[in-house]
N, C-alpha and C. Protein backbone atom coordinates (compact mmCIF):
# COMPACT_ATOMS: atom_id res chain seq x y z
N MET A 1 -1.44 -38.24 30.71
CA MET A 1 -1.71 -39.50 29.58
C MET A 1 -2.05 -39.68 28.60
N LYS A 2 -2.54 -39.88 27.64
CA LYS A 2 -2.78 -39.61 26.10
C LYS A 2 -3.93 -41.42 25.46
N ASN A 3 -5.01 -41.50 25.37
CA ASN A 3 -5.64 -42.40 25.37
C ASN A 3 -4.76 -42.90 24.17
N ILE A 4 -4.78 -44.29 23.14
CA ILE A 4 -3.72 -44.07 21.88
C ILE A 4 -4.42 -45.69 21.84
N ASN A 5 -5.84 -45.46 22.16
CA ASN A 5 -6.61 -47.03 21.60
C ASN A 5 -6.89 -47.34 20.16
N SER A 6 -6.21 -48.89 20.74
CA SER A 6 -6.34 -49.54 18.53
C SER A 6 -7.23 -50.31 18.79
N GLY A 7 -8.55 -50.60 19.27
CA GLY A 7 -8.58 -52.16 18.61
C GLY A 7 -8.74 -52.06 20.04
N PHE A 8 -8.13 -51.86 20.50
CA PHE A 8 -9.00 -52.37 22.89
C PHE A 8 -10.69 -51.68 22.32
N ASN A 9 -10.89 -52.03 24.55
CA ASN A 9 -11.83 -51.17 23.94
C ASN A 9 -10.88 -49.43 24.99
N ASN A 10 -11.53 -48.67 24.83
CA ASN A 10 -10.84 -47.95 25.49
C ASN A 10 -11.16 -47.57 26.73
N ILE A 11 -10.08 -47.22 27.74
CA ILE A 11 -9.76 -47.22 29.42
C ILE A 11 -10.30 -45.31 29.54
N PRO A 12 -11.96 -45.18 29.91
CA PRO A 12 -12.76 -44.02 30.42
C PRO A 12 -11.40 -43.38 30.77
N GLU A 13 -11.73 -41.74 29.41
CA GLU A 13 -10.60 -41.07 29.65
C GLU A 13 -11.54 -39.65 31.28
N GLY A 14 -10.21 -39.00 32.29
CA GLY A 14 -10.70 -38.82 33.25
C GLY A 14 -9.45 -40.14 33.69
N GLY A 15 -10.79 -40.22 35.36
CA GLY A 15 -10.23 -41.18 36.57
C GLY A 15 -8.85 -40.49 37.25
N GLU A 16 -8.27 -41.01 37.89
CA GLU A 16 -7.69 -40.60 39.38
C GLU A 16 -6.27 -41.82 38.95
N ILE A 17 -4.61 -40.58 38.96
CA ILE A 17 -4.05 -41.27 39.21
C ILE A 17 -4.20 -42.03 40.89
N LEU A 18 -3.58 -43.23 41.58
CA LEU A 18 -3.76 -43.54 42.67
C LEU A 18 -1.63 -43.69 43.46
N ILE A 19 -1.86 -43.18 44.27
CA ILE A 19 -0.48 -43.66 45.01
C ILE A 19 -0.74 -44.12 46.06
N TYR A 20 0.20 -44.80 45.97
CA TYR A 20 0.35 -46.12 47.78
C TYR A 20 1.96 -46.37 47.19
N ALA A 21 2.33 -45.70 48.66
CA ALA A 21 3.51 -45.07 49.82
C ALA A 21 3.10 -47.05 50.76
N ALA A 22 4.28 -47.17 51.18
CA ALA A 22 4.43 -48.29 51.36
C ALA A 22 5.73 -47.40 52.54
N GLY A 23 5.28 -48.39 54.32
CA GLY A 23 6.17 -47.27 55.05
C GLY A 23 7.71 -47.38 54.91
N ARG A 24 8.08 -48.12 55.77
CA ARG A 24 10.25 -48.18 55.70
C ARG A 24 11.03 -47.98 54.08
N ASP A 25 10.52 -49.53 54.08
CA ASP A 25 11.19 -49.65 52.82
C ASP A 25 10.76 -48.74 51.03
N GLY A 26 9.89 -47.70 51.81
CA GLY A 26 9.71 -46.21 49.85
C GLY A 26 9.13 -47.26 48.98
N ALA A 27 8.65 -48.42 49.53
CA ALA A 27 7.63 -48.96 48.25
C ALA A 27 6.72 -48.31 47.89
N ARG A 28 6.06 -48.03 46.61
CA ARG A 28 5.34 -46.64 45.95
C ARG A 28 5.06 -47.29 44.27
N LEU A 29 4.09 -47.31 44.05
CA LEU A 29 2.32 -48.21 43.74
C LEU A 29 1.94 -46.42 42.87
N GLU A 30 1.61 -46.63 41.41
CA GLU A 30 1.21 -46.03 40.95
C GLU A 30 0.13 -46.46 40.26
N VAL A 31 -1.19 -46.35 40.76
CA VAL A 31 -2.76 -46.94 39.44
C VAL A 31 -3.05 -46.00 38.95
N LYS A 32 -3.64 -46.31 38.17
CA LYS A 32 -4.73 -45.26 37.04
C LYS A 32 -6.00 -46.39 38.34
N LEU A 33 -7.02 -44.98 38.12
CA LEU A 33 -8.62 -45.94 39.07
C LEU A 33 -9.45 -45.19 37.76
N VAL A 34 -10.80 -46.06 37.57
CA VAL A 34 -11.18 -45.38 36.57
C VAL A 34 -12.61 -46.37 37.10
N GLY A 35 -12.76 -45.06 38.09
CA GLY A 35 -14.10 -45.91 38.50
C GLY A 35 -14.83 -46.50 39.50
N GLU A 36 -14.59 -48.54 39.26
CA GLU A 36 -14.30 -48.77 40.67
C GLU A 36 -12.61 -49.96 39.36
N THR A 37 -12.43 -49.20 38.93
CA THR A 37 -11.14 -50.19 38.05
C THR A 37 -10.42 -49.50 37.68
N VAL A 38 -9.25 -50.60 38.19
CA VAL A 38 -7.89 -50.46 37.99
C VAL A 38 -7.36 -51.40 37.27
N TRP A 39 -6.13 -50.42 36.78
CA TRP A 39 -5.59 -50.51 35.05
C TRP A 39 -4.13 -50.21 36.42
N LEU A 40 -2.58 -51.53 36.14
CA LEU A 40 -1.64 -51.69 35.12
C LEU A 40 -0.79 -51.53 35.14
N THR A 41 0.44 -51.16 35.07
CA THR A 41 1.51 -51.36 33.42
C THR A 41 1.56 -53.03 34.58
N LEU A 42 3.02 -53.93 32.82
CA LEU A 42 3.09 -55.14 33.79
C LEU A 42 4.05 -54.54 34.83
N SER A 43 4.84 -54.08 34.45
CA SER A 43 6.19 -53.20 35.29
C SER A 43 5.44 -52.98 36.89
N GLN A 44 4.77 -52.16 37.14
CA GLN A 44 3.58 -52.53 37.89
C GLN A 44 2.89 -54.21 38.53
N MET A 45 2.67 -54.56 37.89
CA MET A 45 1.34 -55.96 38.26
C MET A 45 3.38 -56.81 38.85
N VAL A 46 4.61 -56.33 38.39
CA VAL A 46 5.61 -57.02 38.72
C VAL A 46 5.92 -56.59 40.36
N ASP A 47 5.42 -55.67 40.66
CA ASP A 47 5.90 -54.71 41.69
C ASP A 47 5.11 -55.35 42.71
N PHE A 48 3.70 -54.76 42.35
CA PHE A 48 2.60 -54.99 43.16
C PHE A 48 2.73 -57.05 43.95
N PHE A 49 2.47 -57.54 42.56
CA PHE A 49 2.68 -58.75 43.03
C PHE A 49 3.48 -60.18 43.69
N LYS A 50 4.53 -59.52 44.01
CA LYS A 50 6.21 -59.35 44.23
C LYS A 50 6.17 -60.87 43.02
N ARG A 51 6.83 -60.58 42.01
CA ARG A 51 6.53 -61.38 41.14
C ARG A 51 7.46 -61.09 39.55
N ASP A 52 8.76 -62.36 39.09
CA ASP A 52 10.00 -61.83 38.05
C ASP A 52 8.97 -61.88 36.73
N LYS A 53 8.85 -60.95 36.16
CA LYS A 53 8.27 -60.10 35.01
C LYS A 53 8.03 -61.06 33.97
N SER A 54 8.53 -62.66 34.52
CA SER A 54 8.67 -63.17 33.49
C SER A 54 7.83 -64.29 33.72
N VAL A 55 6.66 -64.49 34.98
CA VAL A 55 5.43 -65.32 35.53
C VAL A 55 4.25 -63.92 34.72
N ILE A 56 4.42 -63.09 34.99
CA ILE A 56 3.79 -62.31 34.71
C ILE A 56 2.98 -62.41 33.80
N SER A 57 4.36 -61.84 33.24
CA SER A 57 3.72 -62.29 31.03
C SER A 57 3.24 -63.16 30.81
N ARG A 58 4.09 -64.36 31.36
CA ARG A 58 3.62 -66.32 30.63
C ARG A 58 1.62 -66.04 31.16
N HIS A 59 2.01 -65.89 32.56
CA HIS A 59 0.32 -65.61 33.58
C HIS A 59 -1.05 -65.49 32.04
N ILE A 60 0.20 -64.27 32.04
CA ILE A 60 -1.19 -63.20 31.10
C ILE A 60 -1.80 -63.49 29.91
N LYS A 61 0.10 -64.31 29.63
CA LYS A 61 -0.38 -65.08 27.19
C LYS A 61 -1.39 -66.28 27.42
N ASN A 62 -1.58 -66.77 29.14
CA ASN A 62 -1.35 -68.00 28.93
C ASN A 62 -3.31 -67.68 29.24
N ILE A 63 -3.39 -67.26 30.16
CA ILE A 63 -4.98 -65.93 29.90
C ILE A 63 -5.92 -65.07 28.72
N PHE A 64 -5.36 -65.03 27.76
CA PHE A 64 -5.66 -64.73 26.18
C PHE A 64 -5.45 -66.03 25.43
N GLU A 65 -5.17 -67.30 25.55
CA GLU A 65 -4.77 -68.19 25.07
C GLU A 65 -5.70 -69.63 25.41
N GLU A 66 -6.41 -69.60 26.74
CA GLU A 66 -6.43 -70.10 26.63
C GLU A 66 -8.61 -69.90 26.56
N GLY A 67 -8.55 -67.92 26.47
CA GLY A 67 -9.77 -67.78 26.16
C GLY A 67 -10.30 -67.72 27.02
N GLU A 68 -10.07 -67.17 28.37
CA GLU A 68 -10.59 -66.94 29.75
C GLU A 68 -10.31 -65.73 30.06
N LEU A 69 -10.25 -64.81 29.65
CA LEU A 69 -10.16 -63.56 28.71
C LEU A 69 -10.04 -62.59 27.13
N GLN A 70 -10.57 -61.66 27.04
CA GLN A 70 -10.15 -61.23 25.13
C GLN A 70 -9.53 -60.40 25.45
N ARG A 71 -8.41 -59.85 25.13
CA ARG A 71 -7.23 -59.48 25.15
C ARG A 71 -7.90 -57.83 25.06
N LYS A 72 -8.96 -57.28 23.81
CA LYS A 72 -9.80 -55.88 23.41
C LYS A 72 -10.51 -55.45 24.62
N THR A 73 -10.73 -56.63 25.73
CA THR A 73 -11.84 -55.80 26.79
C THR A 73 -10.97 -55.88 27.62
N VAL A 74 -9.05 -55.70 28.37
CA VAL A 74 -8.80 -56.22 29.77
C VAL A 74 -7.26 -55.53 28.99
N VAL A 75 -7.87 -54.90 28.20
CA VAL A 75 -5.30 -53.96 27.46
C VAL A 75 -6.14 -52.39 26.62
N ALA A 76 -5.30 -51.84 27.53
CA ALA A 76 -5.18 -50.54 26.57
C ALA A 76 -3.74 -49.89 26.46
N LYS A 77 -4.18 -49.77 26.26
CA LYS A 77 -2.57 -48.27 25.35
C LYS A 77 -2.39 -46.66 25.76
N TYR A 78 -2.07 -46.93 26.22
CA TYR A 78 -1.84 -45.38 26.52
C TYR A 78 -0.24 -44.50 26.05
N ALA A 79 -0.01 -43.20 25.52
CA ALA A 79 0.85 -43.10 25.43
C ALA A 79 1.53 -42.04 26.52
N THR A 80 3.36 -42.48 26.53
CA THR A 80 3.23 -41.95 27.96
C THR A 80 5.31 -41.87 27.67
N THR A 81 5.28 -40.54 28.14
CA THR A 81 6.37 -39.70 27.82
C THR A 81 7.29 -40.93 28.74
N ALA A 82 9.14 -41.06 28.67
CA ALA A 82 9.31 -42.00 29.07
C ALA A 82 11.01 -40.04 29.59
N ALA A 83 11.78 -41.21 29.65
CA ALA A 83 12.21 -40.16 31.28
C ALA A 83 13.96 -39.20 29.69
N ASP A 84 13.73 -39.90 28.43
CA ASP A 84 14.48 -39.93 27.47
C ASP A 84 13.56 -39.09 26.47
N GLY A 85 12.44 -38.54 26.51
CA GLY A 85 11.60 -37.42 26.29
C GLY A 85 11.00 -37.70 25.30
N LYS A 86 10.52 -39.27 24.57
CA LYS A 86 9.99 -40.08 23.89
C LYS A 86 8.56 -40.63 24.63
N THR A 87 8.24 -40.84 22.89
CA THR A 87 6.48 -41.48 24.32
C THR A 87 6.47 -42.59 22.77
N TYR A 88 5.82 -43.41 24.17
CA TYR A 88 5.86 -44.52 24.07
C TYR A 88 4.53 -45.20 24.28
N ALA A 89 3.97 -45.84 23.74
CA ALA A 89 2.66 -46.99 23.81
C ALA A 89 3.22 -48.21 24.94
N VAL A 90 2.22 -47.16 25.83
CA VAL A 90 2.37 -49.23 26.87
C VAL A 90 1.05 -49.30 27.52
N ALA A 91 1.01 -50.86 27.45
CA ALA A 91 -0.19 -51.70 27.55
C ALA A 91 -0.03 -50.97 28.90
N TYR A 92 -1.49 -50.67 30.18
CA TYR A 92 -2.94 -51.64 30.82
C TYR A 92 -2.79 -52.34 31.12
N TYR A 93 -2.76 -52.97 31.83
CA TYR A 93 -3.87 -53.84 31.92
C TYR A 93 -5.26 -53.63 32.76
N ASN A 94 -6.20 -53.74 33.07
CA ASN A 94 -7.40 -54.54 33.38
C ASN A 94 -7.05 -55.28 35.00
N LEU A 95 -7.92 -55.27 36.20
CA LEU A 95 -6.58 -56.21 37.14
C LEU A 95 -7.92 -57.45 37.35
N ASP A 96 -8.87 -57.98 35.80
CA ASP A 96 -9.43 -58.78 35.60
C ASP A 96 -8.50 -60.04 35.50
N VAL A 97 -7.44 -58.76 34.46
CA VAL A 97 -6.49 -60.04 34.24
C VAL A 97 -5.53 -60.32 35.36
N ARG A 98 -6.16 -60.64 36.94
CA ARG A 98 -5.43 -60.76 37.68
C ARG A 98 -4.29 -62.31 37.60
N CYS A 99 -3.44 -62.07 38.80
CA CYS A 99 -3.34 -62.91 39.15
C CYS A 99 -2.68 -63.15 40.23
N GLY A 100 -3.90 -63.08 40.95
CA GLY A 100 -3.79 -64.17 42.28
C GLY A 100 -3.68 -65.18 42.82
N THR A 101 -3.38 -66.20 41.51
CA THR A 101 -3.94 -67.04 40.57
C THR A 101 -1.85 -68.23 40.75
N LEU A 102 -1.50 -66.91 40.67
CA LEU A 102 0.52 -67.17 40.37
C LEU A 102 1.38 -68.63 40.83
N PRO A 103 1.73 -69.38 40.54
CA PRO A 103 2.41 -70.67 40.94
C PRO A 103 3.81 -69.19 42.50
């Protein structure tokens, strides 16, 4: 995964990819861990918090609009190659953008 941050703080290179797998239901979540910081994509947050994508997106938008956190400190973009072979910029969110107060 190549870090392509522009205007964002960089996620330090290196780190680990951790895979969490649940028992019978086969749920699986891969996260990027750098130091003590976990980075997740929006889709991973949807899986982790068991909320609709629109709820997570709205919550993150409100965090930035209210100035609770600055986008450049908690968002990083990485180039990811999809199944179609194309490379896409995917936003990763530092878990400071926690969604523990989701409705």
